[in-house]
């Protein structure tokens, strides 16, 4: 089986990873990236249809662990990942909900290993647990693809030096934060709506222990200061990527600081959607007396942008990321060598 997949994948991976590599940093609509991958994916699907006959009865078993099922972005990601693995590679895929509990998720990983899965795709509850989990998989001889939550560079180096069959597939959260700041810089007043010489903002933080949240928080503001803009942080609180908490925190900040708030930075679109509710309830006028940016380019967020109810977001391309993770996982299951890290670009969305 592995010999077959090794031969088959040599052709497929060149097509798929080329389609999912770098994408333009220019402002675009969320639909653009999906359209760009269609031709390559059609070619892959045609190749796979022939391969499935050869591999009949020898389905690969793939375990997928998601940190929690009710996360908006990871819902899109896991659904696309499972569909792509099943339809493109005829794989047997089981996806489990970590329920935001690392101990439970670690048990799920150990159960998958005991069930004899060929490869694991892991969206950890805690990125800080990557070393422990990677070692569990390595000791069991099961390759692992870590997704969405980037491990420390030191851990990536360990995989290389110790020959651990693990890789990371995701996007650089520093870029997403930078793009958020650049969206604000592209507004007519560069975020300084009241003309007092500074941009006064509130920050909705996903999870301060998550590197994506850390980078988005830091680099969104850094984009402004690097451009010579003076900033004033009025309010910064943890919202756990949750829409309800985004609404609650924004309402609190607006109640406390009123018209001083010129910009709302949200680490993801779920919290941004909650912020929209609070902003509208406070009688503020989007893009006139307040700006709001998020990350993910969820359908609800892009619709809000088109309706003038949100300033912008940054496409976190779940299609390209999930397809790349799947392609790499299949290659690893076949015993093929892979890179330690695959990084895909974010894209600004402002219309």
Protein backbone atom coordinates (compact mmCIF):
# COMPACT_ATOMS: atom_id res chain seq x y z
CA UNK A 1 0.00 0.00 0.00
CA UNK A 2 2.69 2.49 1.01
CA UNK A 3 4.70 1.71 -2.11
CA UNK A 4 1.65 2.49 -4.25
CA UNK A 5 1.00 5.79 -2.50
CA UNK A 6 4.65 6.81 -2.71
CA UNK A 7 4.56 6.41 -6.51
CA UNK A 8 1.15 8.03 -6.91
CA UNK A 9 1.94 11.00 -4.69
CA UNK A 10 5.08 11.99 -6.54
CA UNK A 11 2.82 13.40 -9.27
CA UNK A 12 -0.08 14.55 -7.15
CA UNK A 13 1.91 16.53 -4.60
CA UNK A 14 3.62 18.62 -7.24
CA UNK A 15 0.22 19.71 -8.52
CA UNK A 16 -1.50 20.28 -5.21
CA UNK A 17 1.25 22.00 -3.24
CA UNK A 18 1.96 24.29 -6.17
CA UNK A 19 -1.70 25.34 -6.11
CA UNK A 20 -1.59 25.94 -2.36
CA UNK A 21 1.77 27.69 -2.03
CA UNK A 22 2.08 31.45 -2.04
CA UNK A 23 -0.83 33.70 -2.88
CA UNK A 24 -1.01 37.39 -3.63
CA UNK A 25 -0.85 39.90 -0.76
CA UNK A 26 -3.09 42.31 -2.65
CA UNK A 27 -6.55 43.23 -1.45
CA UNK A 28 -9.16 40.91 -2.94
CA UNK A 29 -12.47 39.24 -2.29
CA UNK A 30 -12.65 35.99 -0.35
CA UNK A 31 -13.82 34.05 -3.42
CA UNK A 32 -10.64 34.66 -5.42
CA UNK A 33 -8.38 32.12 -3.75
CA UNK A 34 -10.90 29.29 -3.99
CA UNK A 35 -11.32 29.93 -7.70
CA UNK A 36 -7.57 29.84 -8.29
CA UNK A 37 -7.26 26.28 -6.96
CA UNK A 38 -10.04 24.77 -9.10
CA UNK A 39 -7.95 23.81 -12.14
CA UNK A 40 -5.22 22.06 -10.16
CA UNK A 41 -7.72 20.23 -7.95
CA UNK A 42 -9.59 18.96 -11.02
CA UNK A 43 -6.36 17.48 -12.36
CA UNK A 44 -5.65 15.85 -8.99
CA UNK A 45 -9.16 14.40 -8.79
CA UNK A 46 -8.82 12.88 -12.25
CA UNK A 47 -5.53 11.26 -11.29
CA UNK A 48 -6.98 9.93 -8.05
CA UNK A 49 -9.98 8.35 -9.77
CA UNK A 50 -7.55 5.99 -11.50
CA UNK A 51 -5.52 5.41 -8.36
CA UNK A 52 -8.53 4.41 -6.27
CA UNK A 53 -8.98 1.27 -8.36
CA UNK A 54 -5.44 0.20 -7.58
CA UNK A 55 -5.83 1.05 -3.91
CA UNK A 56 -9.27 -0.53 -3.53
CA UNK A 57 -9.76 -2.12 -0.12
CA UNK A 58 -6.60 -0.51 1.23
CA UNK A 59 -7.92 2.79 2.55
CA UNK A 60 -5.60 4.87 4.66
CA UNK A 61 -6.88 5.50 8.19
CA UNK A 62 -6.54 9.14 9.24
CA UNK A 63 -7.34 10.56 12.66
CA UNK A 64 -8.14 14.27 12.92
CA UNK A 65 -8.22 16.11 16.24
CA UNK A 66 -9.83 19.57 16.35
CA UNK A 67 -9.46 21.73 19.45
CA UNK A 68 -13.20 22.41 19.58
CA UNK A 69 -16.02 21.93 17.10
CA UNK A 70 -17.89 25.17 17.80
CA UNK A 71 -15.08 27.39 16.53
CA UNK A 72 -16.37 29.10 13.36
CA UNK A 73 -13.13 28.90 11.37
CA UNK A 74 -12.17 25.39 12.43
CA UNK A 75 -15.66 24.18 11.51
CA UNK A 76 -15.07 25.26 7.92
CA UNK A 77 -11.54 23.86 8.04
CA UNK A 78 -12.44 20.40 9.36
CA UNK A 79 -15.38 19.98 7.01
CA UNK A 80 -13.25 20.86 4.00
CA UNK A 81 -10.40 18.67 5.25
CA UNK A 82 -12.59 15.59 5.69
CA UNK A 83 -14.35 16.04 2.36
CA UNK A 84 -11.07 16.51 0.51
CA UNK A 85 -9.42 13.47 2.12
CA UNK A 86 -12.39 11.23 1.41
CA UNK A 87 -13.12 12.40 -2.12
CA UNK A 88 -9.56 12.95 -3.34
CA UNK A 89 -7.69 10.17 -1.57
CA UNK A 90 -10.50 7.70 -0.74
CA UNK A 91 -9.26 7.76 2.86
CA UNK A 92 -11.06 6.60 5.98
CA UNK A 93 -11.29 9.74 8.15
CA UNK A 94 -12.44 10.11 11.75
CA UNK A 95 -12.67 13.62 13.22
CA UNK A 96 -13.01 14.19 16.98
CA UNK A 97 -13.85 17.21 19.15
CA UNK A 98 -11.25 18.12 21.77
CA UNK A 99 -13.86 20.27 23.55
CA UNK A 100 -11.11 22.79 24.36
CA UNK A 101 -9.61 20.33 26.86
CA UNK A 102 -6.00 19.31 26.22
CA UNK A 103 -6.13 16.30 28.53
CA UNK A 104 -9.15 14.92 26.69
CA UNK A 105 -7.54 15.62 23.34
CA UNK A 106 -4.34 13.82 24.35
CA UNK A 107 -6.47 10.79 25.25
CA UNK A 108 -8.10 11.00 21.83
CA UNK A 109 -4.68 11.02 20.18
CA UNK A 110 -3.58 7.96 22.17
CA UNK A 111 -6.82 6.19 21.23
CA UNK A 112 -6.22 6.90 17.55
CA UNK A 113 -2.71 5.44 17.87
CA UNK A 114 -4.04 2.30 19.55
CA UNK A 115 -6.57 1.93 16.73
CA UNK A 116 -3.74 1.83 14.20
CA UNK A 117 -4.23 5.05 12.24
CA UNK A 118 -1.70 5.69 9.48
CA UNK A 119 -1.33 9.41 10.17
CA UNK A 120 -2.72 12.09 12.50
CA UNK A 121 -3.77 15.66 11.69
CA UNK A 122 -3.74 17.72 14.89
CA UNK A 123 -5.23 21.09 15.81
CA UNK A 124 -4.11 21.21 19.43
CA UNK A 125 -6.02 22.80 22.26
CA UNK A 126 -2.74 24.15 23.62
CA UNK A 127 0.16 24.88 21.30
CA UNK A 128 2.42 24.52 24.34
CA UNK A 129 1.62 20.79 24.32
CA UNK A 130 3.13 20.28 20.87
CA UNK A 131 6.40 18.78 22.11
CA UNK A 132 4.63 16.24 24.33
CA UNK A 133 2.16 15.24 21.63
CA UNK A 134 4.80 15.07 18.90
CA UNK A 135 6.86 12.74 21.08
CA UNK A 136 3.86 10.50 21.78
CA UNK A 137 3.31 10.16 18.04
CA UNK A 138 7.00 9.65 17.31
CA UNK A 139 7.33 6.92 19.95
CA UNK A 140 4.36 5.14 18.36
CA UNK A 141 5.75 5.56 14.84
CA UNK A 142 2.73 7.59 13.67
CA UNK A 143 3.48 10.69 11.56
CA UNK A 144 1.74 13.88 12.64
CA UNK A 145 0.63 17.00 10.80
CA UNK A 146 0.06 19.93 13.15
CA UNK A 147 -2.31 22.58 11.82
CA UNK A 148 -3.54 26.10 12.56
CA UNK A 149 -1.60 26.67 15.79
CA UNK A 150 2.08 27.15 15.09
CA UNK A 151 4.61 25.43 17.37
CA UNK A 152 7.69 27.24 18.68
CA UNK A 153 10.63 27.42 16.29
CA UNK A 154 12.67 25.38 18.78
CA UNK A 155 10.17 22.52 18.44
CA UNK A 156 10.32 22.66 14.66
CA UNK A 157 14.11 22.47 14.90
CA UNK A 158 13.81 19.45 17.22
CA UNK A 159 11.76 17.60 14.63
CA UNK A 160 14.55 18.15 12.13
CA UNK A 161 17.50 17.30 14.37
CA UNK A 162 15.84 14.25 15.93
CA UNK A 163 14.25 13.00 12.72
CA UNK A 164 10.71 13.17 14.08
CA UNK A 165 8.01 12.57 11.45
CA UNK A 166 6.06 15.76 12.11
CA UNK A 167 5.27 18.91 10.17
CA UNK A 168 3.29 22.13 10.58
CA UNK A 169 0.84 23.52 8.01
CA UNK A 170 -0.61 26.96 8.51
CA UNK A 171 -0.22 30.66 7.90
CA UNK A 172 2.05 33.24 9.54
CA UNK A 173 -0.11 35.10 12.03
CA UNK A 174 2.30 38.04 11.96
CA UNK A 175 1.22 38.64 8.39
CA UNK A 176 -2.47 38.63 9.35
CA UNK A 177 -1.86 41.21 12.07
CA UNK A 178 0.18 43.36 9.71
CA UNK A 179 -2.59 43.23 7.13
CA UNK A 180 -5.15 44.33 9.74
CA UNK A 181 -3.04 47.37 10.51
CA UNK A 182 -2.55 48.12 6.82
CA UNK A 183 -6.31 48.05 6.27
CA UNK A 184 -6.62 50.80 8.89
CA UNK A 185 -3.75 52.73 7.28
CA UNK A 186 -5.64 52.60 3.99
CA UNK A 187 -8.61 54.49 5.42
CA UNK A 188 -8.83 58.22 4.53
CA UNK A 189 -7.65 59.33 7.99
CA UNK A 190 -5.40 56.34 8.75
CA UNK A 191 -7.60 55.48 11.72
CA UNK A 192 -7.39 58.90 13.38
CA UNK A 193 -11.06 59.71 13.00
CA UNK A 194 -11.22 62.55 15.52
CA UNK A 195 -8.03 64.18 14.28
CA UNK A 196 -6.29 64.30 17.66
CA UNK A 197 -3.01 62.94 16.26
CA UNK A 198 -3.36 59.39 17.53
CA UNK A 199 -5.33 56.20 16.88
CA UNK A 200 -7.22 55.11 19.98
CA UNK A 201 -8.15 51.44 19.80
CA UNK A 202 -9.49 48.43 21.65
CA UNK A 203 -8.12 44.92 21.16
CA UNK A 204 -10.17 41.73 21.30
CA UNK A 205 -7.65 38.96 22.01
CA UNK A 206 -8.46 35.38 21.09
CA UNK A 207 -6.32 33.52 23.63
CA UNK A 208 -3.18 35.20 25.01
CA UNK A 209 -1.42 31.82 25.24
CA UNK A 210 -1.99 31.15 21.53
CA UNK A 211 0.81 32.35 19.26
CA UNK A 212 -1.68 33.44 16.57
CA UNK A 213 -3.40 35.72 19.07
CA UNK A 214 -0.07 37.06 20.28
CA UNK A 215 1.15 37.88 16.79
CA UNK A 216 -2.12 39.37 15.58
CA UNK A 217 -2.29 41.56 18.67
CA UNK A 218 1.30 42.74 18.29
CA UNK A 219 1.62 43.14 14.54
CA UNK A 220 -1.71 44.89 13.89
CA UNK A 221 -0.54 47.75 16.07
CA UNK A 222 3.06 47.50 14.86
CA UNK A 223 1.89 48.19 11.30
CA UNK A 224 0.56 51.53 12.54
CA UNK A 225 3.58 52.51 14.61
CA UNK A 226 5.97 51.45 11.82
CA UNK A 227 4.11 53.92 9.60
CA UNK A 228 4.73 56.69 12.14
CA UNK A 229 1.25 56.63 13.67
CA UNK A 230 0.87 57.32 17.38
CA UNK A 231 -1.43 54.82 19.08
CA UNK A 232 -3.34 54.67 22.35
CA UNK A 233 -4.57 51.31 23.66
CA UNK A 234 -7.78 51.99 25.57
CA UNK A 235 -8.83 48.41 26.24
CA UNK A 236 -7.47 44.90 25.60
CA UNK A 237 -9.20 41.79 26.89
CA UNK A 238 -9.35 38.07 26.19
CA UNK A 239 -12.36 37.00 24.14
CA UNK A 240 -11.49 33.32 23.49
CA UNK A 241 -12.31 33.64 19.77
CA UNK A 242 -16.00 33.73 20.76
CA UNK A 243 -18.70 35.93 19.19
CA UNK A 244 -20.65 36.39 22.40
CA UNK A 245 -17.55 37.48 24.28
CA UNK A 246 -16.62 39.80 21.42
CA UNK A 247 -19.98 41.52 21.79
CA UNK A 248 -19.70 41.73 25.58
CA UNK A 249 -16.15 43.10 25.60
CA UNK A 250 -16.84 45.68 22.90
CA UNK A 251 -19.97 46.86 24.70
CA UNK A 252 -17.95 47.25 27.90
CA UNK A 253 -15.22 49.20 26.13
CA UNK A 254 -17.67 51.49 24.34
CA UNK A 255 -19.51 52.13 27.58
CA UNK A 256 -16.26 53.01 29.32
CA UNK A 257 -14.55 55.04 26.59
CA UNK A 258 -17.38 56.16 24.31
CA UNK A 259 -16.35 58.24 21.31
CA UNK A 260 -12.67 57.89 22.17
CA UNK A 261 -12.73 54.45 20.52
CA UNK A 262 -11.74 54.88 16.88
CA UNK A 263 -10.62 51.35 15.95
CA UNK A 264 -11.59 47.87 17.08
CA UNK A 265 -9.03 45.16 16.34
CA UNK A 266 -10.42 41.62 16.66
CA UNK A 267 -8.08 38.61 16.50
CA UNK A 268 -10.77 36.74 14.53
CA UNK A 269 -14.04 37.33 12.72
CA UNK A 270 -16.20 35.61 15.32
CA UNK A 271 -15.28 38.25 17.89
CA UNK A 272 -15.59 40.95 15.20
CA UNK A 273 -19.14 39.84 14.45
CA UNK A 274 -19.92 40.21 18.14
CA UNK A 275 -18.31 43.66 18.07
CA UNK A 276 -20.64 44.69 15.24
CA UNK A 277 -23.63 44.02 17.50
CA UNK A 278 -22.19 46.19 20.27
CA UNK A 279 -21.14 48.97 17.90
CA UNK A 280 -24.57 49.17 16.30
CA UNK A 281 -26.29 49.02 19.70
CA UNK A 282 -24.17 51.99 20.78
CA UNK A 283 -25.33 54.01 17.78
CA UNK A 284 -21.88 54.24 16.22
CA UNK A 285 -21.54 54.53 12.43
CA UNK A 286 -19.14 52.04 10.86
CA UNK A 287 -16.43 53.59 8.69
CA UNK A 288 -17.60 57.06 9.71
CA UNK A 289 -16.86 57.28 13.43
CA UNK A 290 -15.35 53.84 14.07
CA UNK A 291 -13.43 51.14 12.21
CA UNK A 292 -13.47 47.37 12.76
CA UNK A 293 -11.16 44.67 11.39
CA UNK A 294 -11.06 40.91 11.93
CA UNK A 295 -9.36 37.79 10.59
CA UNK A 296 -10.70 34.69 8.76
CA UNK A 297 -12.99 36.14 6.06
CA UNK A 298 -15.99 34.16 7.28
CA UNK A 299 -19.02 34.49 5.01
CA UNK A 300 -20.83 36.54 7.64
CA UNK A 301 -17.88 38.91 7.91
CA UNK A 302 -17.45 39.42 4.17
CA UNK A 303 -21.19 40.06 3.90
CA UNK A 304 -20.90 42.67 6.67
CA UNK A 305 -18.05 44.35 4.77
CA UNK A 306 -20.14 44.53 1.61
CA UNK A 307 -23.00 46.00 3.63
CA UNK A 308 -20.73 48.67 5.15
CA UNK A 309 -21.03 47.16 8.64
CA UNK A 310 -17.36 46.18 8.96
CA UNK A 311 -14.17 47.79 7.64
CA UNK A 312 -12.20 44.73 6.61
CA UNK A 313 -10.90 41.30 7.41
CA UNK A 314 -8.02 39.04 6.41
CA UNK A 315 -8.65 35.80 4.56
CA UNK A 316 -7.36 32.82 6.53
CA UNK A 317 -7.63 30.42 3.61
CA UNK A 318 -9.13 27.25 5.09
CA UNK A 319 -9.42 25.62 1.68
CA UNK A 320 -5.76 25.87 0.68
CA UNK A 321 -4.57 25.16 4.22
CA UNK A 322 -6.75 22.06 4.68
CA UNK A 323 -5.86 20.73 1.24
CA UNK A 324 -2.15 21.22 1.88
CA UNK A 325 -2.45 19.52 5.27
CA UNK A 326 -4.23 16.59 3.63
CA UNK A 327 -1.70 16.29 0.81
CA UNK A 328 1.22 16.35 3.24
CA UNK A 329 -0.47 13.83 5.56
CA UNK A 330 -0.98 11.39 2.70
CA UNK A 331 2.63 11.79 1.64
CA UNK A 332 3.85 11.15 5.19
CA UNK A 333 1.66 8.05 5.48
CA UNK A 334 3.41 6.75 2.38
CA UNK A 335 6.77 7.21 4.06
CA UNK A 336 7.75 10.16 1.90
CA UNK A 337 9.98 12.95 3.19
CA UNK A 338 8.26 16.30 3.76
CA UNK A 339 9.30 19.78 4.84
CA UNK A 340 9.07 20.64 8.52
CA UNK A 341 6.81 23.62 7.78
CA UNK A 342 4.37 24.76 5.07
CA UNK A 343 3.25 28.38 5.24
CA UNK A 344 0.44 29.91 3.16
CA UNK A 345 -0.34 33.59 2.71
CA UNK A 346 -3.20 35.58 4.17
CA UNK A 347 -5.12 38.00 1.90
CA UNK A 348 -6.71 41.35 2.71
CA UNK A 349 -10.47 41.58 2.17
CA UNK A 350 -12.05 45.04 2.12
CA UNK A 351 -14.92 44.74 -0.33
